[in-house]
N, C-alpha and C. Protein backbone atom coordinates (compact mmCIF):
# COMPACT_ATOMS: atom_id res chain seq x y z
N UNK A 1 -14.46 -87.76 -15.26
CA UNK A 1 -15.72 -88.12 -14.66
C UNK A 1 -15.82 -87.56 -13.25
N UNK A 2 -17.01 -87.16 -12.88
CA UNK A 2 -17.29 -86.68 -11.55
C UNK A 2 -18.41 -87.55 -10.99
N UNK A 3 -18.26 -87.98 -9.75
CA UNK A 3 -19.27 -88.86 -9.16
C UNK A 3 -19.77 -88.34 -7.84
N UNK A 4 -21.03 -88.62 -7.57
CA UNK A 4 -21.60 -88.45 -6.23
C UNK A 4 -22.24 -89.80 -5.89
N UNK A 5 -22.94 -89.85 -4.80
CA UNK A 5 -23.55 -91.12 -4.40
C UNK A 5 -24.55 -91.62 -5.45
N UNK A 6 -25.28 -90.68 -6.06
CA UNK A 6 -26.40 -91.06 -6.93
C UNK A 6 -26.15 -90.88 -8.42
N UNK A 7 -25.20 -90.03 -8.78
CA UNK A 7 -25.00 -89.71 -10.20
C UNK A 7 -23.53 -89.74 -10.61
N UNK A 8 -23.34 -89.81 -11.93
CA UNK A 8 -22.04 -89.66 -12.56
C UNK A 8 -22.18 -88.57 -13.62
N UNK A 9 -21.23 -87.65 -13.66
CA UNK A 9 -21.15 -86.67 -14.74
C UNK A 9 -20.01 -87.10 -15.64
N UNK A 10 -20.33 -87.38 -16.90
CA UNK A 10 -19.32 -87.86 -17.84
C UNK A 10 -19.21 -86.90 -19.01
N UNK A 11 -18.02 -86.28 -19.17
CA UNK A 11 -17.83 -85.40 -20.33
C UNK A 11 -17.74 -86.26 -21.60
N UNK A 12 -18.48 -85.86 -22.62
CA UNK A 12 -18.52 -86.65 -23.85
C UNK A 12 -17.40 -86.26 -24.81
N UNK A 13 -16.80 -87.27 -25.42
CA UNK A 13 -15.79 -87.05 -26.45
C UNK A 13 -16.47 -86.64 -27.76
N UNK A 14 -15.67 -86.28 -28.74
CA UNK A 14 -16.22 -85.89 -30.04
C UNK A 14 -17.10 -86.99 -30.62
N UNK A 15 -16.58 -88.23 -30.65
CA UNK A 15 -17.35 -89.35 -31.21
C UNK A 15 -18.61 -89.61 -30.42
N UNK A 16 -18.54 -89.46 -29.10
CA UNK A 16 -19.73 -89.66 -28.27
C UNK A 16 -20.76 -88.56 -28.51
N UNK A 17 -20.29 -87.34 -28.75
CA UNK A 17 -21.22 -86.24 -29.07
C UNK A 17 -21.96 -86.53 -30.38
N UNK A 18 -21.24 -87.08 -31.36
CA UNK A 18 -21.90 -87.43 -32.62
C UNK A 18 -22.99 -88.47 -32.38
N UNK A 19 -22.72 -89.45 -31.54
CA UNK A 19 -23.73 -90.47 -31.21
C UNK A 19 -24.89 -89.83 -30.44
N UNK A 20 -24.58 -88.88 -29.57
CA UNK A 20 -25.61 -88.17 -28.82
C UNK A 20 -26.57 -87.48 -29.80
N UNK A 21 -26.01 -86.79 -30.80
CA UNK A 21 -26.82 -86.09 -31.80
C UNK A 21 -27.67 -87.08 -32.60
N UNK A 22 -27.11 -88.24 -32.93
CA UNK A 22 -27.87 -89.24 -33.69
C UNK A 22 -29.10 -89.71 -32.93
N UNK A 23 -29.02 -89.69 -31.61
CA UNK A 23 -30.16 -90.01 -30.74
C UNK A 23 -30.79 -91.36 -31.12
N UNK A 24 -29.92 -92.35 -31.36
CA UNK A 24 -30.39 -93.68 -31.76
C UNK A 24 -30.02 -94.75 -30.73
N UNK A 25 -29.72 -94.31 -29.52
CA UNK A 25 -29.30 -95.18 -28.41
C UNK A 25 -27.90 -95.77 -28.59
N UNK A 26 -27.17 -95.38 -29.64
CA UNK A 26 -25.80 -95.89 -29.81
C UNK A 26 -24.89 -95.38 -28.70
N UNK A 27 -25.14 -94.18 -28.19
CA UNK A 27 -24.33 -93.66 -27.08
C UNK A 27 -24.62 -94.47 -25.81
N UNK A 28 -25.89 -94.73 -25.56
CA UNK A 28 -26.25 -95.53 -24.39
C UNK A 28 -25.62 -96.92 -24.48
N UNK A 29 -25.60 -97.51 -25.67
CA UNK A 29 -24.97 -98.82 -25.85
C UNK A 29 -23.48 -98.73 -25.53
N UNK A 30 -22.81 -97.70 -26.07
CA UNK A 30 -21.37 -97.54 -25.80
C UNK A 30 -21.08 -97.37 -24.32
N UNK A 31 -21.93 -96.62 -23.63
CA UNK A 31 -21.72 -96.35 -22.21
C UNK A 31 -22.31 -97.44 -21.30
N UNK A 32 -22.86 -98.48 -21.92
CA UNK A 32 -23.46 -99.60 -21.20
C UNK A 32 -24.59 -99.12 -20.28
N UNK A 33 -25.48 -98.30 -20.85
CA UNK A 33 -26.61 -97.74 -20.10
C UNK A 33 -27.93 -98.23 -20.69
N UNK A 34 -28.97 -98.16 -19.90
CA UNK A 34 -30.31 -98.44 -20.39
C UNK A 34 -30.75 -97.29 -21.29
N UNK A 35 -31.57 -97.58 -22.30
CA UNK A 35 -32.05 -96.50 -23.19
C UNK A 35 -32.85 -95.46 -22.40
N UNK A 36 -32.76 -94.23 -22.87
CA UNK A 36 -33.47 -93.11 -22.26
C UNK A 36 -34.30 -92.44 -23.34
N UNK A 37 -35.48 -92.01 -22.98
CA UNK A 37 -36.27 -91.24 -23.95
C UNK A 37 -35.86 -89.78 -23.78
N UNK A 38 -35.11 -89.28 -24.76
CA UNK A 38 -34.67 -87.90 -24.71
C UNK A 38 -34.90 -87.26 -26.06
N UNK A 39 -35.16 -85.99 -26.03
CA UNK A 39 -35.28 -85.24 -27.27
C UNK A 39 -34.20 -84.17 -27.26
N UNK A 40 -33.77 -83.80 -28.44
CA UNK A 40 -32.76 -82.76 -28.58
C UNK A 40 -33.47 -81.54 -29.17
N UNK A 41 -33.50 -80.48 -28.40
CA UNK A 41 -34.17 -79.26 -28.87
C UNK A 41 -33.41 -78.70 -30.08
N UNK A 42 -34.09 -77.95 -30.93
CA UNK A 42 -33.40 -77.32 -32.07
C UNK A 42 -32.24 -76.44 -31.60
N UNK A 43 -32.41 -75.76 -30.45
CA UNK A 43 -31.35 -74.88 -29.94
C UNK A 43 -30.12 -75.69 -29.53
N UNK A 44 -30.35 -76.84 -28.86
CA UNK A 44 -29.22 -77.68 -28.45
C UNK A 44 -28.54 -78.29 -29.67
N UNK A 45 -29.34 -78.75 -30.63
CA UNK A 45 -28.75 -79.34 -31.84
C UNK A 45 -27.87 -78.32 -32.56
N UNK A 46 -28.35 -77.08 -32.66
CA UNK A 46 -27.56 -76.02 -33.30
C UNK A 46 -26.28 -75.75 -32.51
N UNK A 47 -26.39 -75.68 -31.17
CA UNK A 47 -25.21 -75.44 -30.34
C UNK A 47 -24.21 -76.58 -30.49
N UNK A 48 -24.71 -77.82 -30.52
CA UNK A 48 -23.82 -78.97 -30.69
C UNK A 48 -23.07 -78.89 -32.02
N UNK A 49 -23.80 -78.64 -33.10
CA UNK A 49 -23.18 -78.66 -34.42
C UNK A 49 -22.29 -77.45 -34.69
N UNK A 50 -22.71 -76.27 -34.22
CA UNK A 50 -21.99 -75.04 -34.58
C UNK A 50 -20.95 -74.60 -33.56
N UNK A 51 -21.08 -75.03 -32.31
CA UNK A 51 -20.17 -74.55 -31.27
C UNK A 51 -19.47 -75.69 -30.54
N UNK A 52 -20.26 -76.60 -29.97
CA UNK A 52 -19.69 -77.62 -29.09
C UNK A 52 -18.76 -78.57 -29.86
N UNK A 53 -19.23 -79.16 -30.95
CA UNK A 53 -18.38 -80.09 -31.72
C UNK A 53 -17.10 -79.42 -32.22
N UNK A 54 -17.17 -78.24 -32.85
CA UNK A 54 -15.92 -77.60 -33.29
C UNK A 54 -14.97 -77.30 -32.13
N UNK A 55 -15.49 -76.88 -30.98
CA UNK A 55 -14.62 -76.59 -29.84
C UNK A 55 -13.99 -77.85 -29.26
N UNK A 56 -14.75 -78.94 -29.22
CA UNK A 56 -14.21 -80.20 -28.72
C UNK A 56 -13.14 -80.73 -29.68
N UNK A 57 -13.32 -80.49 -30.98
CA UNK A 57 -12.35 -80.94 -31.98
C UNK A 57 -11.06 -80.12 -31.94
N UNK A 58 -11.11 -78.93 -31.36
CA UNK A 58 -9.95 -78.04 -31.31
C UNK A 58 -8.98 -78.52 -30.23
N UNK A 59 -7.87 -79.09 -30.66
CA UNK A 59 -6.92 -79.68 -29.71
C UNK A 59 -6.17 -78.64 -28.89
N UNK A 60 -6.31 -77.36 -29.23
CA UNK A 60 -5.66 -76.32 -28.42
C UNK A 60 -6.50 -75.95 -27.20
N UNK A 61 -7.72 -76.50 -27.13
CA UNK A 61 -8.62 -76.18 -26.02
C UNK A 61 -8.83 -77.40 -25.13
N UNK A 62 -9.12 -77.14 -23.87
CA UNK A 62 -9.47 -78.22 -22.94
C UNK A 62 -10.94 -78.55 -23.17
N UNK A 63 -11.20 -79.73 -23.72
CA UNK A 63 -12.57 -80.08 -24.13
C UNK A 63 -13.55 -80.12 -22.97
N UNK A 64 -13.07 -80.24 -21.74
CA UNK A 64 -13.96 -80.27 -20.59
C UNK A 64 -14.75 -78.97 -20.45
N UNK A 65 -14.19 -77.88 -20.98
CA UNK A 65 -14.86 -76.57 -20.92
C UNK A 65 -15.79 -76.34 -22.10
N UNK A 66 -15.90 -77.30 -23.00
CA UNK A 66 -16.73 -77.12 -24.19
C UNK A 66 -17.74 -78.23 -24.40
N UNK A 67 -17.44 -79.41 -23.89
CA UNK A 67 -18.28 -80.56 -24.18
C UNK A 67 -19.56 -80.57 -23.34
N UNK A 68 -20.47 -81.40 -23.80
CA UNK A 68 -21.65 -81.73 -23.01
C UNK A 68 -21.22 -82.80 -22.01
N UNK A 69 -21.62 -82.65 -20.77
CA UNK A 69 -21.40 -83.68 -19.76
C UNK A 69 -22.75 -84.36 -19.56
N UNK A 70 -22.81 -85.65 -19.80
CA UNK A 70 -24.07 -86.35 -19.57
C UNK A 70 -24.18 -86.69 -18.09
N UNK A 71 -25.40 -86.63 -17.58
CA UNK A 71 -25.66 -86.94 -16.18
C UNK A 71 -26.31 -88.32 -16.15
N UNK A 72 -25.67 -89.23 -15.45
CA UNK A 72 -26.12 -90.62 -15.41
C UNK A 72 -26.60 -90.95 -13.99
N UNK A 73 -27.82 -91.45 -13.90
CA UNK A 73 -28.35 -91.93 -12.63
C UNK A 73 -27.79 -93.33 -12.39
N UNK A 74 -27.06 -93.49 -11.31
CA UNK A 74 -26.49 -94.80 -11.00
C UNK A 74 -27.58 -95.85 -10.75
N UNK A 75 -28.61 -95.54 -9.93
CA UNK A 75 -29.62 -96.58 -9.67
C UNK A 75 -30.38 -97.01 -10.93
N UNK A 76 -30.64 -96.06 -11.85
CA UNK A 76 -31.40 -96.37 -13.06
C UNK A 76 -30.51 -96.82 -14.20
N UNK A 77 -29.20 -96.53 -14.11
CA UNK A 77 -28.26 -96.77 -15.20
C UNK A 77 -28.79 -96.14 -16.50
N UNK A 78 -29.22 -94.86 -16.34
CA UNK A 78 -29.76 -94.11 -17.47
C UNK A 78 -29.21 -92.70 -17.48
N UNK A 79 -29.13 -92.12 -18.68
CA UNK A 79 -28.85 -90.70 -18.81
C UNK A 79 -30.12 -89.95 -18.40
N UNK A 80 -29.96 -88.96 -17.51
CA UNK A 80 -31.12 -88.24 -17.00
C UNK A 80 -31.12 -86.76 -17.39
N UNK A 81 -30.00 -86.28 -17.91
CA UNK A 81 -29.90 -84.87 -18.31
C UNK A 81 -28.50 -84.55 -18.76
N UNK A 82 -28.27 -83.28 -19.03
CA UNK A 82 -26.97 -82.81 -19.52
C UNK A 82 -26.62 -81.50 -18.85
N UNK A 83 -25.32 -81.26 -18.73
CA UNK A 83 -24.82 -79.99 -18.24
C UNK A 83 -23.60 -79.65 -19.09
N UNK A 84 -23.39 -78.38 -19.34
CA UNK A 84 -22.20 -78.00 -20.10
C UNK A 84 -21.63 -76.70 -19.56
N UNK A 85 -20.36 -76.53 -19.85
CA UNK A 85 -19.67 -75.29 -19.56
C UNK A 85 -19.51 -74.60 -20.90
N UNK A 86 -19.85 -73.32 -20.95
CA UNK A 86 -19.86 -72.59 -22.22
C UNK A 86 -18.50 -71.93 -22.45
N UNK A 87 -17.47 -72.77 -22.65
CA UNK A 87 -16.14 -72.26 -22.97
C UNK A 87 -15.21 -72.17 -21.77
N UNK A 88 -13.94 -71.92 -22.09
CA UNK A 88 -12.90 -71.84 -21.07
C UNK A 88 -13.11 -70.60 -20.20
N UNK A 89 -12.49 -70.59 -19.01
CA UNK A 89 -12.65 -69.42 -18.13
C UNK A 89 -12.24 -68.13 -18.84
N UNK A 90 -13.02 -67.06 -18.60
CA UNK A 90 -12.66 -65.76 -19.17
C UNK A 90 -11.56 -65.11 -18.31
N UNK A 91 -11.20 -63.90 -18.62
CA UNK A 91 -10.09 -63.25 -17.91
C UNK A 91 -10.38 -63.02 -16.44
N UNK A 92 -11.65 -63.00 -16.07
CA UNK A 92 -12.03 -62.87 -14.65
C UNK A 92 -12.16 -64.24 -13.96
N UNK A 93 -11.87 -65.31 -14.70
CA UNK A 93 -11.97 -66.64 -14.12
C UNK A 93 -13.40 -67.15 -14.02
N UNK A 94 -14.29 -66.61 -14.86
CA UNK A 94 -15.68 -67.05 -14.85
C UNK A 94 -15.90 -68.13 -15.89
N UNK A 95 -16.71 -69.12 -15.51
CA UNK A 95 -17.23 -70.08 -16.49
C UNK A 95 -18.74 -70.00 -16.41
N UNK A 96 -19.37 -70.16 -17.57
CA UNK A 96 -20.83 -70.14 -17.63
C UNK A 96 -21.32 -71.56 -17.84
N UNK A 97 -22.41 -71.91 -17.13
CA UNK A 97 -22.98 -73.24 -17.29
C UNK A 97 -24.39 -73.16 -17.87
N UNK A 98 -24.78 -74.24 -18.52
CA UNK A 98 -26.14 -74.43 -19.00
C UNK A 98 -26.49 -75.88 -18.73
N UNK A 99 -27.78 -76.18 -18.60
CA UNK A 99 -28.17 -77.54 -18.22
C UNK A 99 -29.61 -77.82 -18.57
N UNK A 100 -29.95 -79.10 -18.60
CA UNK A 100 -31.32 -79.53 -18.83
C UNK A 100 -31.52 -80.95 -18.34
N UNK A 101 -32.69 -81.19 -17.78
CA UNK A 101 -33.07 -82.52 -17.29
C UNK A 101 -34.11 -83.10 -18.24
N UNK A 102 -33.96 -84.36 -18.61
CA UNK A 102 -34.95 -85.01 -19.47
C UNK A 102 -36.28 -85.09 -18.72
N UNK A 103 -37.37 -84.97 -19.48
CA UNK A 103 -38.72 -84.85 -18.89
C UNK A 103 -39.02 -85.86 -17.79
N UNK A 104 -38.75 -87.13 -18.04
CA UNK A 104 -39.15 -88.16 -17.08
C UNK A 104 -38.36 -88.11 -15.77
N UNK A 105 -37.28 -87.32 -15.74
CA UNK A 105 -36.43 -87.26 -14.54
C UNK A 105 -36.49 -85.91 -13.84
N UNK A 106 -37.37 -85.03 -14.30
CA UNK A 106 -37.48 -83.72 -13.67
C UNK A 106 -38.09 -83.83 -12.28
N UNK A 107 -37.76 -82.86 -11.44
CA UNK A 107 -38.29 -82.76 -10.06
C UNK A 107 -37.84 -83.91 -9.17
N UNK A 108 -36.65 -84.48 -9.47
CA UNK A 108 -36.12 -85.56 -8.64
C UNK A 108 -34.76 -85.17 -8.04
N UNK A 109 -34.35 -83.91 -8.22
CA UNK A 109 -33.11 -83.43 -7.62
C UNK A 109 -31.84 -83.74 -8.38
N UNK A 110 -31.97 -84.36 -9.56
CA UNK A 110 -30.76 -84.71 -10.31
C UNK A 110 -29.94 -83.48 -10.70
N UNK A 111 -30.61 -82.43 -11.19
CA UNK A 111 -29.84 -81.28 -11.66
C UNK A 111 -29.22 -80.51 -10.50
N UNK A 112 -29.92 -80.40 -9.39
CA UNK A 112 -29.33 -79.74 -8.21
C UNK A 112 -28.05 -80.46 -7.82
N UNK A 113 -28.09 -81.78 -7.83
CA UNK A 113 -26.92 -82.58 -7.48
C UNK A 113 -25.82 -82.44 -8.54
N UNK A 114 -26.20 -82.40 -9.82
CA UNK A 114 -25.21 -82.27 -10.89
C UNK A 114 -24.49 -80.92 -10.82
N UNK A 115 -25.24 -79.85 -10.58
CA UNK A 115 -24.61 -78.53 -10.46
C UNK A 115 -23.68 -78.52 -9.25
N UNK A 116 -24.09 -79.13 -8.15
CA UNK A 116 -23.24 -79.20 -6.96
C UNK A 116 -21.94 -79.94 -7.30
N UNK A 117 -22.02 -81.04 -8.03
CA UNK A 117 -20.83 -81.80 -8.44
C UNK A 117 -19.92 -80.96 -9.33
N UNK A 118 -20.51 -80.26 -10.28
CA UNK A 118 -19.70 -79.45 -11.19
C UNK A 118 -19.01 -78.31 -10.43
N UNK A 119 -19.67 -77.74 -9.46
CA UNK A 119 -19.05 -76.69 -8.63
C UNK A 119 -17.86 -77.25 -7.88
N UNK A 120 -18.01 -78.44 -7.29
CA UNK A 120 -16.88 -79.06 -6.57
C UNK A 120 -15.70 -79.25 -7.50
N UNK A 121 -15.97 -79.70 -8.73
CA UNK A 121 -14.91 -79.87 -9.71
C UNK A 121 -14.29 -78.52 -10.04
N UNK A 122 -15.12 -77.50 -10.29
CA UNK A 122 -14.63 -76.17 -10.66
C UNK A 122 -13.76 -75.57 -9.56
N UNK A 123 -14.07 -75.88 -8.31
CA UNK A 123 -13.26 -75.36 -7.19
C UNK A 123 -11.83 -75.88 -7.25
N UNK A 124 -11.60 -77.00 -7.91
CA UNK A 124 -10.25 -77.57 -8.01
C UNK A 124 -9.50 -77.05 -9.24
N UNK A 125 -10.20 -76.32 -10.09
CA UNK A 125 -9.58 -75.79 -11.31
C UNK A 125 -8.94 -74.44 -11.00
N UNK A 126 -7.62 -74.32 -11.15
CA UNK A 126 -6.93 -73.08 -10.76
C UNK A 126 -7.41 -71.83 -11.48
N UNK A 127 -7.87 -71.97 -12.72
CA UNK A 127 -8.27 -70.80 -13.51
C UNK A 127 -9.70 -70.36 -13.26
N UNK A 128 -10.47 -71.12 -12.46
CA UNK A 128 -11.89 -70.82 -12.26
C UNK A 128 -12.10 -70.14 -10.91
N UNK A 129 -12.66 -68.93 -10.96
CA UNK A 129 -12.97 -68.18 -9.73
C UNK A 129 -14.46 -68.15 -9.43
N UNK A 130 -15.29 -68.24 -10.48
CA UNK A 130 -16.74 -68.21 -10.25
C UNK A 130 -17.47 -68.89 -11.39
N UNK A 131 -18.71 -69.27 -11.08
CA UNK A 131 -19.59 -69.92 -12.06
C UNK A 131 -20.79 -69.00 -12.26
N UNK A 132 -21.13 -68.74 -13.51
CA UNK A 132 -22.28 -67.89 -13.81
C UNK A 132 -23.29 -68.67 -14.64
N UNK A 133 -24.52 -68.20 -14.63
CA UNK A 133 -25.59 -68.83 -15.40
C UNK A 133 -26.68 -67.81 -15.65
N UNK A 134 -27.51 -68.08 -16.65
CA UNK A 134 -28.71 -67.30 -16.92
C UNK A 134 -29.89 -68.24 -16.98
N UNK A 135 -31.03 -67.78 -16.46
CA UNK A 135 -32.25 -68.59 -16.53
C UNK A 135 -33.40 -67.70 -16.99
N UNK A 136 -34.33 -68.31 -17.68
CA UNK A 136 -35.55 -67.59 -18.01
C UNK A 136 -36.27 -67.28 -16.71
N UNK A 137 -36.86 -66.11 -16.63
CA UNK A 137 -37.62 -65.74 -15.44
C UNK A 137 -38.79 -66.70 -15.19
N UNK A 138 -39.28 -67.30 -16.26
CA UNK A 138 -40.43 -68.20 -16.15
C UNK A 138 -40.04 -69.62 -15.78
N UNK A 139 -38.73 -69.94 -15.78
CA UNK A 139 -38.28 -71.30 -15.51
C UNK A 139 -37.91 -71.43 -14.03
N UNK A 140 -38.92 -71.57 -13.21
CA UNK A 140 -38.72 -71.62 -11.76
C UNK A 140 -37.82 -72.79 -11.37
N UNK A 141 -38.02 -73.95 -11.98
CA UNK A 141 -37.20 -75.12 -11.64
C UNK A 141 -35.72 -74.85 -11.90
N UNK A 142 -35.42 -74.18 -13.01
CA UNK A 142 -34.03 -73.91 -13.36
C UNK A 142 -33.37 -72.97 -12.36
N UNK A 143 -34.05 -71.91 -11.98
CA UNK A 143 -33.38 -71.01 -11.04
C UNK A 143 -33.44 -71.52 -9.61
N UNK A 144 -34.36 -72.42 -9.30
CA UNK A 144 -34.35 -73.06 -7.98
C UNK A 144 -33.10 -73.93 -7.81
N UNK A 145 -32.68 -74.61 -8.90
CA UNK A 145 -31.43 -75.39 -8.87
C UNK A 145 -30.27 -74.49 -8.46
N UNK A 146 -30.21 -73.28 -9.03
CA UNK A 146 -29.12 -72.37 -8.71
C UNK A 146 -29.22 -71.86 -7.28
N UNK A 147 -30.42 -71.51 -6.86
CA UNK A 147 -30.60 -71.04 -5.48
C UNK A 147 -30.18 -72.11 -4.48
N UNK A 148 -30.52 -73.36 -4.74
CA UNK A 148 -30.14 -74.45 -3.84
C UNK A 148 -28.63 -74.67 -3.80
N UNK A 149 -27.93 -74.18 -4.83
CA UNK A 149 -26.47 -74.28 -4.89
C UNK A 149 -25.79 -72.96 -4.54
N UNK A 150 -26.51 -72.10 -3.84
CA UNK A 150 -25.96 -70.85 -3.30
C UNK A 150 -25.49 -69.85 -4.36
N UNK A 151 -26.16 -69.85 -5.51
CA UNK A 151 -25.92 -68.81 -6.50
C UNK A 151 -26.68 -67.57 -6.03
N UNK A 152 -26.14 -66.41 -6.38
CA UNK A 152 -26.75 -65.13 -6.06
C UNK A 152 -27.24 -64.49 -7.36
N UNK A 153 -28.45 -63.97 -7.35
CA UNK A 153 -28.97 -63.26 -8.52
C UNK A 153 -28.19 -61.95 -8.65
N UNK A 154 -27.62 -61.72 -9.83
CA UNK A 154 -26.78 -60.53 -10.04
C UNK A 154 -27.39 -59.52 -11.00
N UNK A 155 -28.47 -59.88 -11.66
CA UNK A 155 -29.08 -58.94 -12.60
C UNK A 155 -30.24 -59.58 -13.31
N UNK A 156 -30.91 -58.76 -14.11
CA UNK A 156 -32.03 -59.29 -14.89
C UNK A 156 -32.28 -58.41 -16.10
N UNK A 157 -32.87 -59.06 -17.10
CA UNK A 157 -33.37 -58.36 -18.28
C UNK A 157 -34.88 -58.56 -18.27
N UNK A 158 -35.52 -58.23 -19.35
CA UNK A 158 -36.96 -58.43 -19.42
C UNK A 158 -37.34 -59.90 -19.27
N UNK A 159 -36.48 -60.80 -19.77
CA UNK A 159 -36.84 -62.22 -19.77
C UNK A 159 -35.92 -63.11 -18.94
N UNK A 160 -34.72 -62.63 -18.58
CA UNK A 160 -33.71 -63.48 -17.95
C UNK A 160 -33.28 -62.98 -16.57
N UNK A 161 -32.89 -63.92 -15.72
CA UNK A 161 -32.15 -63.62 -14.50
C UNK A 161 -30.70 -64.04 -14.74
N UNK A 162 -29.76 -63.26 -14.20
CA UNK A 162 -28.33 -63.62 -14.22
C UNK A 162 -27.93 -64.05 -12.82
N UNK A 163 -27.06 -65.06 -12.75
CA UNK A 163 -26.67 -65.67 -11.47
C UNK A 163 -25.16 -65.83 -11.38
N UNK A 164 -24.63 -65.84 -10.16
CA UNK A 164 -23.19 -66.05 -9.94
C UNK A 164 -23.00 -66.83 -8.64
N UNK A 165 -22.03 -67.74 -8.70
CA UNK A 165 -21.54 -68.43 -7.50
C UNK A 165 -20.04 -68.19 -7.47
N UNK A 166 -19.59 -67.38 -6.51
CA UNK A 166 -18.16 -67.10 -6.35
C UNK A 166 -17.51 -68.27 -5.63
N UNK A 167 -16.43 -68.78 -6.21
CA UNK A 167 -15.72 -69.92 -5.61
C UNK A 167 -14.50 -69.46 -4.85
N UNK A 168 -13.78 -68.49 -5.42
CA UNK A 168 -12.59 -67.95 -4.75
C UNK A 168 -12.36 -66.54 -5.26
N UNK A 169 -11.75 -65.73 -4.42
CA UNK A 169 -11.44 -64.36 -4.80
C UNK A 169 -10.22 -64.34 -5.70
N UNK A 170 -10.22 -63.40 -6.65
CA UNK A 170 -9.08 -63.29 -7.57
C UNK A 170 -7.87 -62.78 -6.83
């Protein structure tokens, strides 16, 4: 778990991920949280079933680099969004992150704070040298989160911006 004054980032176990997918408030009950209105996009559901769950089940891997981390608002005692690391560090020590804030909690700074917390955690991980991310060019809120966390734009395609935050030199 990672904490700041306002939020907690909690990496979900395999069983908790299954409850997350069920989206029936059983996860909130287990975590002693108030119910949250959240939807799971088809893309996230596919990622959970085809990539995240199998990687978390793989005991040869550190599940922290594969699981969904739920973001909990301490004042609301609610899940407000999710952040994940897309696999273990590569040979250059890079980890890629992805994230999303539930509709009712957008534009309240939760994701900026969550990314900041995850960066602080990543700085303590010996194998991690930098954090990378991609955002749609049209998703201003998503890339503003990265800009506020001192990510540098490193490239672009027709639809995406690529970002990097260097934590330490190799």
